[in-house]
Amino acid sequence: MAGQLLLSLTLTILIELGVLWLLMERRRKVLVLSVVINVLTNVPLNLAVIHLGYSTKTVLIGELIVFIVEALWYLLFIKDIRKASIYSLLCNAVSFLIGLLGQTVCAYLLL
């Protein structure tokens, strides 16, 4: 389980840094803060999903909480609610969709 959590965290960080880069975010401080907030939100979200069961309801509620927490985190440092919300929404949506695609491909290959 620890290996899966570390893999999920690593991929999420890489994807979200890539999204920020595509959004033209180059400030080292914001990129480092993205890594920090992902460490603080990704592992608890994945543990909750593992322990509560992988259901649509659990994932949606968890992702909503992560979106809000990360948007507030970005807001503390970049002082722009619109940009903080966009960063959080796009980073989380892209990493979630890529993760979902990866799971689908893996499940298909294992059939």
C-alpha atoms as a PDB file:
ATOM      1  CA  MET A   1       0.000   0.000   0.000  1.00  0.00           C
ATOM      2  CA  ALA A   2       2.846   2.435   0.786  1.00  0.00           C
ATOM      3  CA  GLY A   3       4.219   1.927  -2.705  1.00  0.00           C
ATOM      4  CA  GLN A   4       0.858   2.786  -4.272  1.00  0.00           C
ATOM      5  CA  LEU A   5       0.530   5.917  -2.126  1.00  0.00           C
ATOM      6  CA  LEU A   6       4.029   7.060  -3.074  1.00  0.00           C
ATOM      7  CA  LEU A   7       3.391   6.397  -6.760  1.00  0.00           C
ATOM      8  CA  SER A   8       0.087   8.288  -6.639  1.00  0.00           C
ATOM      9  CA  LEU A   9       1.696  11.219  -4.839  1.00  0.00           C
ATOM     10  CA  THR A  10       4.670  11.357  -7.210  1.00  0.00           C
ATOM     11  CA  LEU A  11       2.518  11.240 -10.337  1.00  0.00           C
ATOM     12  CA  THR A  12       0.120  13.840  -8.932  1.00  0.00           C
ATOM     13  CA  ILE A  13       2.981  16.212  -8.134  1.00  0.00           C
ATOM     14  CA  LEU A  14       4.521  15.794 -11.592  1.00  0.00           C
ATOM     15  CA  ILE A  15       1.185  16.277 -13.357  1.00  0.00           C
ATOM     16  CA  GLU A  16       0.212  19.301 -11.310  1.00  0.00           C
ATOM     17  CA  LEU A  17       3.623  20.938 -11.742  1.00  0.00           C
ATOM     18  CA  GLY A  18       3.170  20.357 -15.473  1.00  0.00           C
ATOM     19  CA  VAL A  19      -0.255  22.034 -15.390  1.00  0.00           C
ATOM     20  CA  LEU A  20       1.151  25.026 -13.511  1.00  0.00           C
ATOM     21  CA  TRP A  21       3.999  25.227 -16.029  1.00  0.00           C
ATOM     22  CA  LEU A  22       1.479  25.193 -18.908  1.00  0.00           C
ATOM     23  CA  LEU A  23      -0.394  27.989 -17.126  1.00  0.00           C
ATOM     24  CA  MET A  24       2.872  29.948 -17.329  1.00  0.00           C
ATOM     25  CA  GLU A  25       3.490  29.805 -13.582  1.00  0.00           C
ATOM     26  CA  ARG A  26       7.262  30.086 -13.157  1.00  0.00           C
ATOM     27  CA  ARG A  27       7.593  31.370  -9.601  1.00  0.00           C
ATOM     28  CA  ARG A  28       9.655  28.841  -7.690  1.00  0.00           C
ATOM     29  CA  LYS A  29       7.746  29.663  -4.492  1.00  0.00           C
ATOM     30  CA  VAL A  30       4.378  28.719  -6.040  1.00  0.00           C
ATOM     31  CA  LEU A  31       5.796  25.522  -7.581  1.00  0.00           C
ATOM     32  CA  VAL A  32       7.293  24.456  -4.231  1.00  0.00           C
ATOM     33  CA  LEU A  33       4.019  25.303  -2.474  1.00  0.00           C
ATOM     34  CA  SER A  34       2.231  23.050  -4.962  1.00  0.00           C
ATOM     35  CA  VAL A  35       4.438  20.142  -3.927  1.00  0.00           C
ATOM     36  CA  VAL A  36       3.834  20.857  -0.230  1.00  0.00           C
ATOM     37  CA  ILE A  37       0.051  21.062  -0.535  1.00  0.00           C
ATOM     38  CA  ASN A  38      -0.035  17.876  -2.593  1.00  0.00           C
ATOM     39  CA  VAL A  39       1.861  16.019   0.123  1.00  0.00           C
ATOM     40  CA  LEU A  40      -0.703  17.321   2.631  1.00  0.00           C
ATOM     41  CA  THR A  41      -3.802  16.455   0.562  1.00  0.00           C
ATOM     42  CA  ASN A  42      -2.995  13.528  -1.732  1.00  0.00           C
ATOM     43  CA  VAL A  43      -2.052  10.941   0.875  1.00  0.00           C
ATOM     44  CA  PRO A  44      -5.059  11.598   3.159  1.00  0.00           C
ATOM     45  CA  LEU A  45      -7.405  11.534   0.159  1.00  0.00           C
ATOM     46  CA  ASN A  46      -6.034   8.204  -1.032  1.00  0.00           C
ATOM     47  CA  LEU A  47      -6.141   6.722   2.470  1.00  0.00           C
ATOM     48  CA  ALA A  48      -9.761   7.853   2.848  1.00  0.00           C
ATOM     49  CA  VAL A  49     -10.698   6.259  -0.475  1.00  0.00           C
ATOM     50  CA  ILE A  50      -8.944   3.025   0.487  1.00  0.00           C
ATOM     51  CA  HIS A  51     -10.616   2.836   3.908  1.00  0.00           C
ATOM     52  CA  LEU A  52     -14.062   4.164   2.977  1.00  0.00           C
ATOM     53  CA  GLY A  53     -14.252   2.333  -0.327  1.00  0.00           C
ATOM     54  CA  TYR A  54     -13.760   3.529  -3.859  1.00  0.00           C
ATOM     55  CA  SER A  55     -17.199   4.929  -4.589  1.00  0.00           C
ATOM     56  CA  THR A  56     -18.243   7.869  -6.726  1.00  0.00           C
ATOM     57  CA  LYS A  57     -19.567   9.654  -3.639  1.00  0.00           C
ATOM     58  CA  THR A  58     -16.344   9.189  -1.645  1.00  0.00           C
ATOM     59  CA  VAL A  59     -14.148  10.328  -4.526  1.00  0.00           C
ATOM     60  CA  LEU A  60     -16.285  13.363  -5.384  1.00  0.00           C
ATOM     61  CA  ILE A  61     -16.497  14.551  -1.784  1.00  0.00           C
ATOM     62  CA  GLY A  62     -12.775  13.975  -1.305  1.00  0.00           C
ATOM     63  CA  GLU A  63     -11.883  15.804  -4.518  1.00  0.00           C
ATOM     64  CA  LEU A  64     -14.151  18.720  -3.569  1.00  0.00           C
ATOM     65  CA  ILE A  65     -12.443  19.014  -0.191  1.00  0.00           C
ATOM     66  CA  VAL A  66      -9.012  18.865  -1.841  1.00  0.00           C
ATOM     67  CA  PHE A  67     -10.038  21.521  -4.388  1.00  0.00           C
ATOM     68  CA  ILE A  68     -11.165  23.895  -1.615  1.00  0.00           C
ATOM     69  CA  VAL A  69      -8.116  23.275   0.595  1.00  0.00           C
ATOM     70  CA  GLU A  70      -5.699  23.736  -2.296  1.00  0.00           C
ATOM     71  CA  ALA A  71      -7.466  26.864  -3.589  1.00  0.00           C
ATOM     72  CA  LEU A  72      -7.245  28.402  -0.108  1.00  0.00           C
ATOM     73  CA  TRP A  73      -3.589  27.368   0.125  1.00  0.00           C
ATOM     74  CA  TYR A  74      -2.761  29.041  -3.190  1.00  0.00           C
ATOM     75  CA  LEU A  75      -4.771  32.101  -2.133  1.00  0.00           C
ATOM     76  CA  LEU A  76      -2.614  32.529   0.980  1.00  0.00           C
ATOM     77  CA  PHE A  77       0.446  32.983  -1.183  1.00  0.00           C
ATOM     78  CA  ILE A  78      -0.657  34.453  -4.508  1.00  0.00           C
ATOM     79  CA  LYS A  79      -3.430  36.740  -3.163  1.00  0.00           C
ATOM     80  CA  ASP A  80      -5.642  36.329  -6.236  1.00  0.00           C
ATOM     81  CA  ILE A  81      -8.801  34.271  -5.642  1.00  0.00           C
ATOM     82  CA  ARG A  82      -9.487  33.801  -9.343  1.00  0.00           C
ATOM     83  CA  LYS A  83      -5.983  32.536 -10.092  1.00  0.00           C
ATOM     84  CA  ALA A  84      -5.924  30.377  -6.931  1.00  0.00           C
ATOM     85  CA  SER A  85      -9.232  28.766  -7.911  1.00  0.00           C
ATOM     86  CA  ILE A  86      -8.123  28.182 -11.495  1.00  0.00           C
ATOM     87  CA  TYR A  87      -4.836  26.644 -10.353  1.00  0.00           C
ATOM     88  CA  SER A  88      -6.592  24.317  -7.933  1.00  0.00           C
ATOM     89  CA  LEU A  89      -9.391  23.358 -10.318  1.00  0.00           C
ATOM     90  CA  LEU A  90      -7.202  22.680 -13.340  1.00  0.00           C
ATOM     91  CA  CYS A  91      -4.420  20.930 -11.423  1.00  0.00           C
ATOM     92  CA  ASN A  92      -6.865  18.623  -9.657  1.00  0.00           C
ATOM     93  CA  ALA A  93      -9.059  17.984 -12.692  1.00  0.00           C
ATOM     94  CA  VAL A  94      -6.123  17.087 -14.926  1.00  0.00           C
ATOM     95  CA  SER A  95      -4.414  14.861 -12.351  1.00  0.00           C
ATOM     96  CA  PHE A  96      -7.727  13.143 -11.546  1.00  0.00           C
ATOM     97  CA  LEU A  97      -8.546  12.510 -15.220  1.00  0.00           C
ATOM     98  CA  ILE A  98      -5.053  11.233 -16.015  1.00  0.00           C
ATOM     99  CA  GLY A  99      -5.249   8.944 -12.974  1.00  0.00           C
ATOM    100  CA  LEU A 100      -8.649   7.671 -14.069  1.00  0.00           C
ATOM    101  CA  LEU A 101      -7.350   7.054 -17.578  1.00  0.00           C
ATOM    102  CA  GLY A 102      -4.332   5.215 -16.164  1.00  0.00           C
ATOM    103  CA  GLN A 103      -6.540   2.977 -14.029  1.00  0.00           C
ATOM    104  CA  THR A 104      -8.785   2.242 -16.988  1.00  0.00           C
ATOM    105  CA  VAL A 105      -5.847   1.322 -19.211  1.00  0.00           C
ATOM    106  CA  CYS A 106      -4.324  -0.888 -16.492  1.00  0.00           C
ATOM    107  CA  ALA A 107      -7.654  -2.655 -15.894  1.00  0.00           C
ATOM    108  CA  TYR A 108      -8.050  -3.220 -19.639  1.00  0.00           C
ATOM    109  CA  LEU A 109      -4.534  -4.628 -19.971  1.00  0.00           C
ATOM    110  CA  LEU A 110      -5.099  -7.022 -17.056  1.00  0.00           C
ATOM    111  CA  LEU A 111      -8.248  -8.522 -18.608  1.00  0.00           C
END
